Every structure is written in C-alpha cells, then in structure tokens.
Amino acid sequence: TGNGDRADPTLADWIRRDAARLSAESLEPQSPTDAARIGRLLDQASAARVVVLGELNHWIAEKTLFRLWWLERLARRRPLVLAEE
C-alpha cells in the first residue's frame, strides 16, 4: 500500500468490526457476539475438506493451546485427519 508498517485501513476496519476475541486465560469467547462469530467460522471450516491452521508467531508458546482449541472444536463437528509440520 506504500504506507510503511501501517495496515491497509480497509483490513484494519474489517478486523476491528469482525474479529472474535478470546479470553487469554480460558481461550473462550469474551462475549456472545464473539461466540457467534467463532460459530460461523467453525460452520464454514467444518464444511471444508481441508483446514489449515497457521502459526501466528513461531516464538509464542500459546500457539499450541490455540491450535488444540480449534482442533477440539472442529473434531466435535466431523472426523479429522491431522497433519502437522
């Protein structure tokens, strides 16, 4: 975008508007709105043949808990075949 490190305003607006926030302690949605947003994402992901969980940052220890949180919820909806790097 040519504006250095600043995020594209459209992307930043979308993130502020549509992001689902999880509690740092429990990894549970912080509000009913957050839970509904995550539910919609899980609905879409559970209909997919392949779901890729990316690594937010290699040096963050909580990434394992975050991945397990998503895998547990996806596995409740349909059988999984899991592959990891």
N, C-alpha and C. Protein backbone atom coordinates (compact mmCIF):
# COMPACT_ATOMS: atom_id res chain seq x y z
N THR A 1 0.82 -1.21 0.00
CA THR A 1 0.00 0.00 0.00
C THR A 1 0.85 1.26 0.00
N GLY A 2 2.15 1.10 0.24
CA GLY A 2 3.02 2.27 0.20
C GLY A 2 3.00 3.09 1.47
N ASN A 3 2.40 2.59 2.55
CA ASN A 3 2.32 3.38 3.77
C ASN A 3 3.17 2.80 4.90
N GLY A 4 4.26 2.15 4.56
CA GLY A 4 5.18 1.63 5.58
C GLY A 4 4.57 0.48 6.36
N ASP A 5 4.65 0.55 7.68
CA ASP A 5 4.18 -0.54 8.53
C ASP A 5 2.69 -0.45 8.85
N ARG A 6 2.03 0.60 8.47
CA ARG A 6 0.61 0.74 8.78
C ARG A 6 -0.21 -0.24 7.96
N ALA A 7 -1.22 -0.85 8.57
CA ALA A 7 -2.10 -1.79 7.87
C ALA A 7 -3.02 -1.02 6.93
N ASP A 8 -3.43 -1.69 5.90
CA ASP A 8 -4.42 -1.13 4.98
C ASP A 8 -5.66 -0.77 5.80
N PRO A 9 -6.17 0.46 5.68
CA PRO A 9 -7.32 0.87 6.51
C PRO A 9 -8.53 -0.04 6.33
N THR A 10 -8.72 -0.58 5.15
CA THR A 10 -9.87 -1.46 4.95
C THR A 10 -9.69 -2.75 5.74
N LEU A 11 -8.50 -3.31 5.75
CA LEU A 11 -8.22 -4.52 6.51
C LEU A 11 -8.35 -4.23 8.00
N ALA A 12 -7.78 -3.14 8.46
CA ALA A 12 -7.87 -2.78 9.88
C ALA A 12 -9.33 -2.60 10.30
N ASP A 13 -10.13 -1.96 9.47
CA ASP A 13 -11.55 -1.77 9.78
C ASP A 13 -12.26 -3.12 9.86
N TRP A 14 -11.95 -4.00 8.92
CA TRP A 14 -12.58 -5.33 8.91
C TRP A 14 -12.21 -6.10 10.16
N ILE A 15 -10.95 -6.04 10.56
CA ILE A 15 -10.51 -6.75 11.76
C ILE A 15 -11.23 -6.21 12.99
N ARG A 16 -11.29 -4.89 13.13
CA ARG A 16 -11.99 -4.29 14.29
C ARG A 16 -13.47 -4.67 14.29
N ARG A 17 -14.08 -4.72 13.15
CA ARG A 17 -15.51 -4.99 13.04
C ARG A 17 -15.84 -6.47 13.23
N ASP A 18 -15.01 -7.38 12.68
CA ASP A 18 -15.39 -8.79 12.61
C ASP A 18 -14.55 -9.75 13.44
N ALA A 19 -13.52 -9.26 14.10
CA ALA A 19 -12.66 -10.16 14.88
C ALA A 19 -13.43 -10.75 16.05
N ALA A 20 -13.11 -11.98 16.38
CA ALA A 20 -13.65 -12.63 17.57
C ALA A 20 -12.55 -12.65 18.62
N ARG A 21 -12.86 -12.18 19.77
CA ARG A 21 -11.87 -12.10 20.83
C ARG A 21 -12.03 -13.27 21.80
N LEU A 22 -10.89 -13.88 22.16
CA LEU A 22 -10.88 -14.97 23.12
C LEU A 22 -10.21 -14.51 24.40
N SER A 23 -10.68 -15.02 25.52
CA SER A 23 -10.04 -14.75 26.80
C SER A 23 -8.65 -15.36 26.80
N ALA A 24 -7.66 -14.62 27.24
CA ALA A 24 -6.28 -15.12 27.29
C ALA A 24 -6.14 -16.30 28.24
N GLU A 25 -6.93 -16.32 29.30
CA GLU A 25 -6.82 -17.38 30.30
C GLU A 25 -7.51 -18.68 29.85
N SER A 26 -8.72 -18.58 29.35
CA SER A 26 -9.52 -19.78 29.06
C SER A 26 -9.63 -20.10 27.57
N LEU A 27 -9.24 -19.16 26.72
CA LEU A 27 -9.41 -19.28 25.27
C LEU A 27 -10.89 -19.43 24.88
N GLU A 28 -11.78 -18.96 25.73
CA GLU A 28 -13.21 -18.96 25.41
C GLU A 28 -13.60 -17.58 24.90
N PRO A 29 -14.65 -17.50 24.08
CA PRO A 29 -15.09 -16.20 23.56
C PRO A 29 -15.39 -15.23 24.69
N GLN A 30 -15.05 -13.97 24.47
CA GLN A 30 -15.25 -12.96 25.50
C GLN A 30 -16.69 -12.46 25.58
N SER A 31 -17.48 -12.68 24.55
CA SER A 31 -18.86 -12.18 24.55
C SER A 31 -19.72 -13.09 23.68
N PRO A 32 -21.03 -12.97 23.79
CA PRO A 32 -21.92 -13.72 22.89
C PRO A 32 -21.68 -13.39 21.41
N THR A 33 -21.33 -12.15 21.14
CA THR A 33 -21.02 -11.76 19.75
C THR A 33 -19.79 -12.49 19.26
N ASP A 34 -18.75 -12.57 20.11
CA ASP A 34 -17.54 -13.29 19.74
C ASP A 34 -17.85 -14.77 19.53
N ALA A 35 -18.68 -15.36 20.39
CA ALA A 35 -19.05 -16.77 20.26
C ALA A 35 -19.79 -17.01 18.94
N ALA A 36 -20.68 -16.10 18.57
CA ALA A 36 -21.41 -16.24 17.31
C ALA A 36 -20.47 -16.16 16.11
N ARG A 37 -19.52 -15.25 16.17
CA ARG A 37 -18.55 -15.12 15.07
C ARG A 37 -17.72 -16.38 14.93
N ILE A 38 -17.27 -16.94 16.05
CA ILE A 38 -16.49 -18.17 16.01
C ILE A 38 -17.36 -19.32 15.52
N GLY A 39 -18.61 -19.36 15.94
CA GLY A 39 -19.53 -20.40 15.47
C GLY A 39 -19.69 -20.38 13.97
N ARG A 40 -19.82 -19.19 13.40
CA ARG A 40 -19.95 -19.08 11.93
C ARG A 40 -18.68 -19.58 11.25
N LEU A 41 -17.53 -19.24 11.80
CA LEU A 41 -16.26 -19.70 11.23
C LEU A 41 -16.15 -21.22 11.33
N LEU A 42 -16.53 -21.78 12.47
CA LEU A 42 -16.49 -23.24 12.63
C LEU A 42 -17.46 -23.92 11.67
N ASP A 43 -18.63 -23.33 11.44
CA ASP A 43 -19.57 -23.87 10.46
C ASP A 43 -18.93 -23.95 9.08
N GLN A 44 -18.28 -22.87 8.68
CA GLN A 44 -17.61 -22.84 7.38
C GLN A 44 -16.46 -23.83 7.33
N ALA A 45 -15.65 -23.87 8.38
CA ALA A 45 -14.48 -24.75 8.40
C ALA A 45 -14.89 -26.21 8.43
N SER A 46 -15.96 -26.54 9.13
CA SER A 46 -16.36 -27.94 9.23
C SER A 46 -16.94 -28.47 7.93
N ALA A 47 -17.32 -27.58 7.03
CA ALA A 47 -17.81 -27.99 5.71
C ALA A 47 -16.66 -28.16 4.71
N ALA A 48 -15.46 -27.72 5.10
CA ALA A 48 -14.31 -27.77 4.19
C ALA A 48 -13.67 -29.15 4.20
N ARG A 49 -13.03 -29.49 3.11
CA ARG A 49 -12.28 -30.75 3.04
C ARG A 49 -10.91 -30.61 3.68
N VAL A 50 -10.34 -29.40 3.62
CA VAL A 50 -9.02 -29.14 4.19
C VAL A 50 -9.10 -27.84 4.98
N VAL A 51 -8.60 -27.88 6.21
CA VAL A 51 -8.50 -26.68 7.03
C VAL A 51 -7.04 -26.56 7.44
N VAL A 52 -6.45 -25.41 7.22
CA VAL A 52 -5.06 -25.17 7.57
C VAL A 52 -5.03 -24.18 8.73
N LEU A 53 -4.45 -24.60 9.83
CA LEU A 53 -4.28 -23.70 10.97
C LEU A 53 -2.87 -23.14 10.90
N GLY A 54 -2.78 -21.87 10.67
CA GLY A 54 -1.48 -21.24 10.55
C GLY A 54 -0.84 -20.97 11.89
N GLU A 55 0.41 -20.64 11.85
CA GLU A 55 1.17 -20.31 13.04
C GLU A 55 1.28 -18.80 13.13
N LEU A 56 0.69 -18.23 14.17
CA LEU A 56 0.68 -16.78 14.31
C LEU A 56 2.08 -16.23 14.50
N ASN A 57 2.85 -16.88 15.35
CA ASN A 57 4.22 -16.47 15.60
C ASN A 57 4.95 -17.67 16.18
N HIS A 58 6.04 -18.03 15.58
CA HIS A 58 6.77 -19.23 15.99
C HIS A 58 7.23 -19.19 17.44
N TRP A 59 7.43 -18.02 17.98
CA TRP A 59 8.00 -17.91 19.32
C TRP A 59 6.96 -17.72 20.42
N ILE A 60 5.70 -17.89 20.12
CA ILE A 60 4.64 -17.75 21.13
C ILE A 60 4.24 -19.14 21.62
N ALA A 61 4.44 -19.41 22.89
CA ALA A 61 4.16 -20.73 23.45
C ALA A 61 2.68 -21.09 23.37
N GLU A 62 1.80 -20.10 23.46
CA GLU A 62 0.36 -20.36 23.47
C GLU A 62 -0.16 -20.87 22.13
N LYS A 63 0.68 -20.89 21.10
CA LYS A 63 0.20 -21.33 19.79
C LYS A 63 -0.29 -22.77 19.85
N THR A 64 0.33 -23.61 20.69
CA THR A 64 -0.10 -25.00 20.81
C THR A 64 -1.50 -25.06 21.41
N LEU A 65 -1.73 -24.30 22.48
CA LEU A 65 -3.06 -24.27 23.09
C LEU A 65 -4.10 -23.74 22.10
N PHE A 66 -3.71 -22.73 21.34
CA PHE A 66 -4.62 -22.14 20.36
C PHE A 66 -4.99 -23.16 19.28
N ARG A 67 -4.00 -23.87 18.77
CA ARG A 67 -4.27 -24.91 17.77
C ARG A 67 -5.16 -26.00 18.34
N LEU A 68 -4.85 -26.46 19.56
CA LEU A 68 -5.66 -27.51 20.18
C LEU A 68 -7.09 -27.05 20.40
N TRP A 69 -7.27 -25.80 20.75
CA TRP A 69 -8.61 -25.24 20.94
C TRP A 69 -9.42 -25.39 19.66
N TRP A 70 -8.82 -24.98 18.53
CA TRP A 70 -9.52 -25.08 17.25
C TRP A 70 -9.73 -26.53 16.84
N LEU A 71 -8.73 -27.37 17.00
CA LEU A 71 -8.86 -28.77 16.62
C LEU A 71 -9.96 -29.47 17.41
N GLU A 72 -10.03 -29.19 18.69
CA GLU A 72 -11.07 -29.79 19.52
C GLU A 72 -12.46 -29.41 19.02
N ARG A 73 -12.65 -28.16 18.71
CA ARG A 73 -13.96 -27.71 18.24
C ARG A 73 -14.29 -28.24 16.85
N LEU A 74 -13.30 -28.32 15.98
CA LEU A 74 -13.54 -28.90 14.65
C LEU A 74 -13.84 -30.39 14.76
N ALA A 75 -13.13 -31.10 15.63
CA ALA A 75 -13.33 -32.54 15.79
C ALA A 75 -14.72 -32.86 16.33
N ARG A 76 -15.31 -31.95 17.08
CA ARG A 76 -16.68 -32.16 17.57
C ARG A 76 -17.69 -32.17 16.42
N ARG A 77 -17.32 -31.56 15.30
CA ARG A 77 -18.25 -31.40 14.19
C ARG A 77 -18.08 -32.46 13.11
N ARG A 78 -16.86 -32.97 12.96
CA ARG A 78 -16.63 -34.01 11.95
C ARG A 78 -15.28 -34.66 12.20
N PRO A 79 -15.11 -35.90 11.72
CA PRO A 79 -13.82 -36.58 11.90
C PRO A 79 -12.69 -35.80 11.24
N LEU A 80 -11.53 -35.85 11.86
CA LEU A 80 -10.38 -35.11 11.35
C LEU A 80 -9.25 -36.05 10.95
N VAL A 81 -8.52 -35.66 9.94
CA VAL A 81 -7.22 -36.23 9.64
C VAL A 81 -6.25 -35.09 9.90
N LEU A 82 -5.31 -35.31 10.78
CA LEU A 82 -4.43 -34.23 11.23
C LEU A 82 -3.03 -34.43 10.69
N ALA A 83 -2.47 -33.39 10.12
CA ALA A 83 -1.07 -33.37 9.70
C ALA A 83 -0.44 -32.11 10.25
N GLU A 84 0.79 -32.22 10.69
CA GLU A 84 1.47 -31.05 11.23
C GLU A 84 2.89 -31.04 10.74
N GLU A 85 3.42 -29.82 10.56
CA GLU A 85 4.81 -29.71 10.09
C GLU A 85 5.77 -30.25 11.09
